[in-house]
C-alpha atoms as a PDB file:
ATOM      1  CA  MET A   1     -17.866 -27.132  -9.345  1.00  0.00           C
ATOM      2  CA  SER A   2     -19.661 -23.885  -8.158  1.00  0.00           C
ATOM      3  CA  ARG A   3     -18.801 -21.933  -5.312  1.00  0.00           C
ATOM      4  CA  ASN A   4     -22.253 -22.936  -3.540  1.00  0.00           C
ATOM      5  CA  GLU A   5     -21.099 -26.675  -3.808  1.00  0.00           C
ATOM      6  CA  PHE A   6     -17.807 -26.111  -2.271  1.00  0.00           C
ATOM      7  CA  ALA A   7     -17.672 -27.314   1.463  1.00  0.00           C
ATOM      8  CA  PRO A   8     -15.049 -27.337   3.473  1.00  0.00           C
ATOM      9  CA  LEU A   9     -13.421 -30.631   5.057  1.00  0.00           C
ATOM     10  CA  PRO A  10     -12.565 -29.453   8.700  1.00  0.00           C
ATOM     11  CA  SER A  11      -9.878 -31.101  10.700  1.00  0.00           C
ATOM     12  CA  ALA A  12      -9.381 -31.268  14.578  1.00  0.00           C
ATOM     13  CA  ALA A  13      -7.585 -27.825  14.153  1.00  0.00           C
ATOM     14  CA  THR A  14     -10.097 -26.076  11.934  1.00  0.00           C
ATOM     15  CA  ALA A  15     -13.485 -27.401  13.074  1.00  0.00           C
ATOM     16  CA  ARG A  16     -14.523 -24.545  15.500  1.00  0.00           C
ATOM     17  CA  TYR A  17     -13.364 -22.005  12.870  1.00  0.00           C
ATOM     18  CA  TRP A  18     -15.612 -23.461  10.105  1.00  0.00           C
ATOM     19  CA  ALA A  19     -18.652 -24.243  12.799  1.00  0.00           C
ATOM     20  CA  ALA A  20     -18.509 -20.626  13.597  1.00  0.00           C
ATOM     21  CA  THR A  21     -18.812 -19.489   9.757  1.00  0.00           C
ATOM     22  CA  ARG A  22     -22.336 -21.213   9.717  1.00  0.00           C
ATOM     23  CA  GLU A  23     -23.268 -18.343  12.229  1.00  0.00           C
ATOM     24  CA  ARG A  24     -21.269 -15.606  10.320  1.00  0.00           C
ATOM     25  CA  ARG A  25     -18.977 -15.693  13.260  1.00  0.00           C
ATOM     26  CA  LEU A  26     -15.024 -14.897  12.329  1.00  0.00           C
ATOM     27  CA  LEU A  27     -12.818 -16.809  14.838  1.00  0.00           C
ATOM     28  CA  LEU A  28      -9.035 -16.264  15.353  1.00  0.00           C
ATOM     29  CA  GLN A  29      -6.857 -18.540  17.507  1.00  0.00           C
ATOM     30  CA  TRP A  30      -5.284 -16.754  20.396  1.00  0.00           C
ATOM     31  CA  CYS A  31      -2.081 -17.804  21.839  1.00  0.00           C
ATOM     32  CA  PRO A  32      -1.999 -16.585  25.917  1.00  0.00           C
ATOM     33  CA  ASN A  33       2.152 -17.489  25.961  1.00  0.00           C
ATOM     34  CA  CYS A  34       2.766 -15.080  23.058  1.00  0.00           C
ATOM     35  CA  GLU A  35      -0.326 -12.911  23.569  1.00  0.00           C
ATOM     36  CA  ARG A  36      -1.136 -12.673  20.045  1.00  0.00           C
ATOM     37  CA  HIS A  37      -3.776 -13.865  17.601  1.00  0.00           C
ATOM     38  CA  VAL A  38      -2.686 -16.970  15.039  1.00  0.00           C
ATOM     39  CA  HIS A  39      -4.317 -17.260  11.607  1.00  0.00           C
ATOM     40  CA  HIS A  40      -4.834 -20.079   9.727  1.00  0.00           C
ATOM     41  CA  PRO A  41      -6.088 -22.170  12.350  1.00  0.00           C
ATOM     42  CA  ARG A  42      -3.478 -24.940  13.554  1.00  0.00           C
ATOM     43  CA  GLU A  43      -2.684 -27.152  16.372  1.00  0.00           C
ATOM     44  CA  ALA A  44      -0.010 -25.174  17.873  1.00  0.00           C
ATOM     45  CA  CYS A  45       1.422 -21.552  17.827  1.00  0.00           C
ATOM     46  CA  PRO A  46       3.916 -20.987  15.055  1.00  0.00           C
ATOM     47  CA  GLY A  47       5.747 -18.463  17.561  1.00  0.00           C
ATOM     48  CA  CYS A  48       6.165 -20.641  20.677  1.00  0.00           C
ATOM     49  CA  LEU A  49       4.809 -24.165  19.706  1.00  0.00           C
ATOM     50  CA  SER A  50       2.321 -23.822  22.639  1.00  0.00           C
ATOM     51  CA  THR A  51      -0.596 -26.189  22.086  1.00  0.00           C
ATOM     52  CA  GLU A  52      -2.925 -24.183  24.718  1.00  0.00           C
ATOM     53  CA  LEU A  53      -4.622 -22.091  21.656  1.00  0.00           C
ATOM     54  CA  GLN A  54      -7.687 -20.497  22.675  1.00  0.00           C
ATOM     55  CA  TRP A  55     -10.431 -18.780  20.326  1.00  0.00           C
ATOM     56  CA  ARG A  56     -11.522 -15.132  20.077  1.00  0.00           C
ATOM     57  CA  GLU A  57     -14.011 -13.679  17.810  1.00  0.00           C
ATOM     58  CA  SER A  58     -12.800 -10.963  15.492  1.00  0.00           C
ATOM     59  CA  ALA A  59     -15.054  -7.893  14.533  1.00  0.00           C
ATOM     60  CA  GLY A  60     -13.205  -8.437  11.029  1.00  0.00           C
ATOM     61  CA  ARG A  61     -12.208  -4.949  10.560  1.00  0.00           C
ATOM     62  CA  GLY A  62      -8.892  -4.084   8.809  1.00  0.00           C
ATOM     63  CA  THR A  63      -7.078  -2.822   6.008  1.00  0.00           C
ATOM     64  CA  VAL A  64      -6.100  -4.071   2.594  1.00  0.00           C
ATOM     65  CA  HIS A  65      -2.399  -4.829   2.418  1.00  0.00           C
ATOM     66  CA  ALA A  66      -2.154  -5.849  -1.164  1.00  0.00           C
ATOM     67  CA  VAL A  67      -4.882  -6.603  -3.720  1.00  0.00           C
ATOM     68  CA  SER A  68      -5.095  -8.115  -7.610  1.00  0.00           C
ATOM     69  CA  VAL A  69      -7.865  -8.163  -9.696  1.00  0.00           C
ATOM     70  CA  HIS A  70      -8.670 -11.322 -11.880  1.00  0.00           C
ATOM     71  CA  TYR A  71     -10.794 -11.585 -14.954  1.00  0.00           C
ATOM     72  CA  ARG A  72     -10.736 -15.166 -15.441  1.00  0.00           C
ATOM     73  CA  PRO A  73     -12.349 -17.879 -13.224  1.00  0.00           C
ATOM     74  CA  PHE A  74     -10.455 -20.239 -10.833  1.00  0.00           C
ATOM     75  CA  ALA A  75     -12.368 -23.143  -9.752  1.00  0.00           C
ATOM     76  CA  PRO A  76     -14.584 -23.598  -7.950  1.00  0.00           C
ATOM     77  CA  MET A  77     -15.982 -20.387  -9.527  1.00  0.00           C
ATOM     78  CA  THR A  78     -17.562 -19.562 -12.973  1.00  0.00           C
ATOM     79  CA  ALA A  79     -17.494 -16.918 -15.428  1.00  0.00           C
ATOM     80  CA  GLU A  80     -20.114 -15.008 -13.912  1.00  0.00           C
ATOM     81  CA  ASP A  81     -18.131 -14.654 -10.779  1.00  0.00           C
ATOM     82  CA  CYS A  82     -15.498 -12.649 -12.673  1.00  0.00           C
ATOM     83  CA  PRO A  83     -14.160 -10.164 -12.169  1.00  0.00           C
ATOM     84  CA  TYR A  84     -13.171 -10.657  -8.493  1.00  0.00           C
ATOM     85  CA  ALA A  85     -10.359  -9.072  -6.320  1.00  0.00           C
ATOM     86  CA  VAL A  86      -8.457 -10.925  -4.003  1.00  0.00           C
ATOM     87  CA  ALA A  87      -6.242  -9.371  -1.133  1.00  0.00           C
ATOM     88  CA  PHE A  88      -4.171  -9.646   1.979  1.00  0.00           C
ATOM     89  CA  VAL A  89      -5.860  -7.982   4.583  1.00  0.00           C
ATOM     90  CA  ASP A  90      -4.252  -6.805   7.574  1.00  0.00           C
ATOM     91  CA  LEU A  91      -6.773  -7.260  10.419  1.00  0.00           C
ATOM     92  CA  GLU A  92      -7.101  -5.205  13.453  1.00  0.00           C
ATOM     93  CA  ASP A  93      -6.480  -8.256  15.365  1.00  0.00           C
ATOM     94  CA  GLY A  94      -2.770  -8.157  13.995  1.00  0.00           C
ATOM     95  CA  VAL A  95      -3.358 -11.209  11.359  1.00  0.00           C
ATOM     96  CA  ARG A  96      -2.831 -11.201   7.720  1.00  0.00           C
ATOM     97  CA  PHE A  97      -5.926 -12.705   6.216  1.00  0.00           C
ATOM     98  CA  LEU A  98      -6.225 -13.765   2.367  1.00  0.00           C
ATOM     99  CA  ALA A  99      -9.606 -13.361   1.080  1.00  0.00           C
ATOM    100  CA  ASN A 100     -11.881 -12.201  -1.570  1.00  0.00           C
ATOM    101  CA  VAL A 101     -12.657  -8.422  -1.728  1.00  0.00           C
ATOM    102  CA  THR A 102     -15.815  -6.744  -2.877  1.00  0.00           C
ATOM    103  CA  ALA A 103     -16.141  -3.101  -3.856  1.00  0.00           C
ATOM    104  CA  ASP A 104     -18.342  -0.835  -6.084  1.00  0.00           C
ATOM    105  CA  ASP A 105     -15.342  -0.670  -8.405  1.00  0.00           C
ATOM    106  CA  LEU A 106     -12.614  -3.446  -7.909  1.00  0.00           C
ATOM    107  CA  GLU A 107     -10.009  -1.325  -9.959  1.00  0.00           C
ATOM    108  CA  ALA A 108     -10.393   1.455  -7.427  1.00  0.00           C
ATOM    109  CA  ILE A 109      -9.310  -0.719  -4.387  1.00  0.00           C
ATOM    110  CA  ARG A 110      -6.030   0.430  -2.845  1.00  0.00           C
ATOM    111  CA  VAL A 111      -3.571  -0.477  -0.490  1.00  0.00           C
ATOM    112  CA  GLY A 112      -4.921   0.959   2.976  1.00  0.00           C
ATOM    113  CA  ASP A 113      -8.134   0.831   1.998  1.00  0.00           C
ATOM    114  CA  PRO A 114     -10.431   0.152   5.105  1.00  0.00           C
ATOM    115  CA  VAL A 115     -12.478  -2.924   4.808  1.00  0.00           C
ATOM    116  CA  SER A 116     -15.187  -4.820   6.962  1.00  0.00           C
ATOM    117  CA  LEU A 117     -16.320  -8.522   6.974  1.00  0.00           C
ATOM    118  CA  GLN A 118     -19.238  -9.768   5.120  1.00  0.00           C
ATOM    119  CA  TRP A 119     -20.015 -13.603   4.237  1.00  0.00           C
ATOM    120  CA  SER A 120     -20.481 -15.586   1.187  1.00  0.00           C
ATOM    121  CA  PRO A 121     -22.535 -18.855   1.642  1.00  0.00           C
ATOM    122  CA  ILE A 122     -21.139 -22.221   0.382  1.00  0.00           C
ATOM    123  CA  ALA A 123     -22.574 -25.475   0.760  1.00  0.00           C
ATOM    124  CA  ASP A 124     -23.515 -27.072   4.100  1.00  0.00           C
ATOM    125  CA  GLY A 125     -24.432 -23.834   5.736  1.00  0.00           C
ATOM    126  CA  TYR A 126     -20.914 -22.890   5.889  1.00  0.00           C
ATOM    127  CA  HIS A 127     -19.772 -19.236   4.743  1.00  0.00           C
ATOM    128  CA  LEU A 128     -16.465 -17.874   3.345  1.00  0.00           C
ATOM    129  CA  PRO A 129     -15.217 -14.579   4.918  1.00  0.00           C
ATOM    130  CA  VAL A 130     -15.279 -11.879   2.393  1.00  0.00           C
ATOM    131  CA  PHE A 131     -13.997  -8.191   2.860  1.00  0.00           C
ATOM    132  CA  HIS A 132     -15.841  -5.179   1.360  1.00  0.00           C
ATOM    133  CA  ALA A 133     -13.712  -1.990   0.683  1.00  0.00           C
ATOM    134  CA  ASN A 134     -14.785   1.293   0.645  1.00  0.00           C
ATOM    135  CA  ALA A 135     -12.746   2.234  -2.320  1.00  0.00           C
ATOM    136  CA  HIS A 136     -11.950   5.759  -3.303  1.00  0.00           C
END
């Protein structure tokens, strides 16, 4: 299966998140009780267990927290997708996000590098959030 054949299976908790990716918008849940963002989408806040979560759009800016460059494909990728970088990104919104990161030189990506949101198309009009690093 190639990346373009992959489609998410939205649940009640994730449907709004995935629908927004069709418009290339990154939505994060917001807990008004804790006054903080929540990610991954879920039915209740992990801090206070409130089910009154709201949705807010993220600008998708952050910094690299940790990064790993891979040279072998991992399903649903192909050899043409390699090498690729996976990183934990600390978004300005206060959540840590796991995603692929692109750069002119993947090996030059460093902890603390600024990243900005981009999108990679997948099946059924959905998109995956990908971050681009302005590596040194």
